[in-house]
C-alpha cells in the first residue's frame, strides 16, 4: 500500500521549489508555483496535517506557506490544550 508521500503530486518535483528563500518577488512567485502543485494534489490534506502535527517551520506543505503553517500549528496547539481534561 502506498503512503500519502508516494501519492503526492510533488513526488517527482525538485524539492527546492517548495523552499523559497523569501516570500517577496521571485520567492513569492516560487511559492505560488509550489502552491499550484499542491492545489492539484489528492493528498494535500494529509500533507498539511503532517506538517502541522510535526510543526514544520519551513517550506510549502499542503498548500500552506510558512506564515500559514505557523498559524495552523498555533491553532492546532490551542485545540489540543482545550481538549485536554482538567486536573
C-alpha atoms as a PDB file:
ATOM      1  CA  UNK A   1       0.000   0.000   0.000  1.00  0.00           C
ATOM      2  CA  UNK A   2       1.318   3.446  -0.917  1.00  0.00           C
ATOM      3  CA  UNK A   3       1.868   6.079   1.741  1.00  0.00           C
ATOM      4  CA  UNK A   4       0.487   9.565   1.225  1.00  0.00           C
ATOM      5  CA  UNK A   5       4.032  10.721   0.402  1.00  0.00           C
ATOM      6  CA  UNK A   6       4.167   8.323  -2.522  1.00  0.00           C
ATOM      7  CA  UNK A   7       0.819   9.609  -3.855  1.00  0.00           C
ATOM      8  CA  UNK A   8       1.749  13.298  -3.606  1.00  0.00           C
ATOM      9  CA  UNK A   9       1.615  15.464  -6.724  1.00  0.00           C
ATOM     10  CA  UNK A  10       5.055  16.814  -5.780  1.00  0.00           C
ATOM     11  CA  UNK A  11       6.757  13.422  -5.568  1.00  0.00           C
ATOM     12  CA  UNK A  12       8.693  13.997  -8.813  1.00  0.00           C
ATOM     13  CA  UNK A  13       9.243  17.749  -8.384  1.00  0.00           C
ATOM     14  CA  UNK A  14      12.512  19.353  -7.397  1.00  0.00           C
ATOM     15  CA  UNK A  15      12.173  19.885  -3.634  1.00  0.00           C
ATOM     16  CA  UNK A  16      13.795  23.316  -3.939  1.00  0.00           C
ATOM     17  CA  UNK A  17      10.522  24.539  -5.443  1.00  0.00           C
ATOM     18  CA  UNK A  18       8.863  24.116  -2.047  1.00  0.00           C
ATOM     19  CA  UNK A  19      11.513  26.040  -0.107  1.00  0.00           C
ATOM     20  CA  UNK A  20      11.637  29.604  -1.480  1.00  0.00           C
ATOM     21  CA  UNK A  21      14.292  31.804   0.106  1.00  0.00           C
ATOM     22  CA  UNK A  22      11.826  34.636   0.658  1.00  0.00           C
ATOM     23  CA  UNK A  23       8.143  35.413   0.299  1.00  0.00           C
ATOM     24  CA  UNK A  24       8.736  38.505  -1.812  1.00  0.00           C
ATOM     25  CA  UNK A  25       9.417  38.994  -5.510  1.00  0.00           C
ATOM     26  CA  UNK A  26      10.779  35.847  -7.162  1.00  0.00           C
ATOM     27  CA  UNK A  27      10.363  33.918  -3.901  1.00  0.00           C
ATOM     28  CA  UNK A  28       6.653  34.775  -3.810  1.00  0.00           C
ATOM     29  CA  UNK A  29       6.277  33.579  -7.405  1.00  0.00           C
ATOM     30  CA  UNK A  30       8.087  30.368  -6.498  1.00  0.00           C
ATOM     31  CA  UNK A  31       5.768  29.836  -3.514  1.00  0.00           C
ATOM     32  CA  UNK A  32       2.757  30.424  -5.757  1.00  0.00           C
ATOM     33  CA  UNK A  33       4.092  27.818  -8.203  1.00  0.00           C
ATOM     34  CA  UNK A  34       4.536  25.323  -5.362  1.00  0.00           C
ATOM     35  CA  UNK A  35       1.021  26.045  -4.093  1.00  0.00           C
ATOM     36  CA  UNK A  36      -0.304  25.405  -7.609  1.00  0.00           C
ATOM     37  CA  UNK A  37       1.194  21.897  -7.446  1.00  0.00           C
ATOM     38  CA  UNK A  38      -0.444  21.417  -4.035  1.00  0.00           C
ATOM     39  CA  UNK A  39      -3.797  22.609  -5.340  1.00  0.00           C
ATOM     40  CA  UNK A  40      -3.940  19.605  -7.689  1.00  0.00           C
ATOM     41  CA  UNK A  41      -2.788  17.084  -5.095  1.00  0.00           C
ATOM     42  CA  UNK A  42      -5.042  14.273  -3.888  1.00  0.00           C
ATOM     43  CA  UNK A  43      -3.199  14.051  -0.550  1.00  0.00           C
ATOM     44  CA  UNK A  44      -2.996  17.758   0.217  1.00  0.00           C
ATOM     45  CA  UNK A  45      -4.932  17.391   3.465  1.00  0.00           C
ATOM     46  CA  UNK A  46      -2.692  14.580   4.739  1.00  0.00           C
ATOM     47  CA  UNK A  47       0.376  16.641   3.878  1.00  0.00           C
ATOM     48  CA  UNK A  48      -0.984  19.684   5.703  1.00  0.00           C
ATOM     49  CA  UNK A  49      -1.925  17.583   8.734  1.00  0.00           C
ATOM     50  CA  UNK A  50       1.559  16.044   8.841  1.00  0.00           C
ATOM     51  CA  UNK A  51       3.204  19.459   8.572  1.00  0.00           C
ATOM     52  CA  UNK A  52       1.104  20.840  11.423  1.00  0.00           C
ATOM     53  CA  UNK A  53       1.493  17.715  13.582  1.00  0.00           C
ATOM     54  CA  UNK A  54       5.286  17.805  13.166  1.00  0.00           C
ATOM     55  CA  UNK A  55       5.486  21.624  13.485  1.00  0.00           C
ATOM     56  CA  UNK A  56       7.220  22.195  10.144  1.00  0.00           C
ATOM     57  CA  UNK A  57       8.549  25.744  10.126  1.00  0.00           C
ATOM     58  CA  UNK A  58       9.985  26.000   6.633  1.00  0.00           C
ATOM     59  CA  UNK A  59       8.672  25.417   3.152  1.00  0.00           C
ATOM     60  CA  UNK A  60       5.335  24.921   1.448  1.00  0.00           C
ATOM     61  CA  UNK A  61       3.344  21.981   2.847  1.00  0.00           C
ATOM     62  CA  UNK A  62      -0.222  21.066   1.963  1.00  0.00           C
ATOM     63  CA  UNK A  63      -0.569  24.312   0.054  1.00  0.00           C
ATOM     64  CA  UNK A  64       0.414  26.443   3.055  1.00  0.00           C
ATOM     65  CA  UNK A  65       3.384  28.773   3.231  1.00  0.00           C
ATOM     66  CA  UNK A  66       5.439  29.344   6.380  1.00  0.00           C
ATOM     67  CA  UNK A  67       3.147  32.009   7.839  1.00  0.00           C
ATOM     68  CA  UNK A  68       0.046  29.907   7.165  1.00  0.00           C
ATOM     69  CA  UNK A  69       1.724  26.835   8.682  1.00  0.00           C
ATOM     70  CA  UNK A  70       2.655  28.778  11.799  1.00  0.00           C
ATOM     71  CA  UNK A  71      -0.947  29.935  12.214  1.00  0.00           C
ATOM     72  CA  UNK A  72      -2.322  26.425  11.642  1.00  0.00           C
ATOM     73  CA  UNK A  73       0.170  24.980  14.143  1.00  0.00           C
ATOM     74  CA  UNK A  74      -0.816  27.553  16.801  1.00  0.00           C
ATOM     75  CA  UNK A  75      -4.494  26.840  16.205  1.00  0.00           C
ATOM     76  CA  UNK A  76      -3.936  23.072  16.453  1.00  0.00           C
ATOM     77  CA  UNK A  77      -1.932  23.502  19.665  1.00  0.00           C
ATOM     78  CA  UNK A  78      -4.718  25.562  21.238  1.00  0.00           C
ATOM     79  CA  UNK A  79      -7.284  22.961  20.221  1.00  0.00           C
ATOM     80  CA  UNK A  80      -5.235  20.188  21.816  1.00  0.00           C
ATOM     81  CA  UNK A  81      -4.931  22.178  25.043  1.00  0.00           C
ATOM     82  CA  UNK A  82      -8.666  22.830  25.154  1.00  0.00           C
ATOM     83  CA  UNK A  83      -9.437  19.125  24.710  1.00  0.00           C
ATOM     84  CA  UNK A  84      -7.072  18.097  27.485  1.00  0.00           C
ATOM     85  CA  UNK A  85      -9.009  17.030  30.613  1.00  0.00           C
ATOM     86  CA  UNK A  86      -8.723  19.310  33.627  1.00  0.00           C
ATOM     87  CA  UNK A  87      -6.669  18.005  36.535  1.00  0.00           C
END
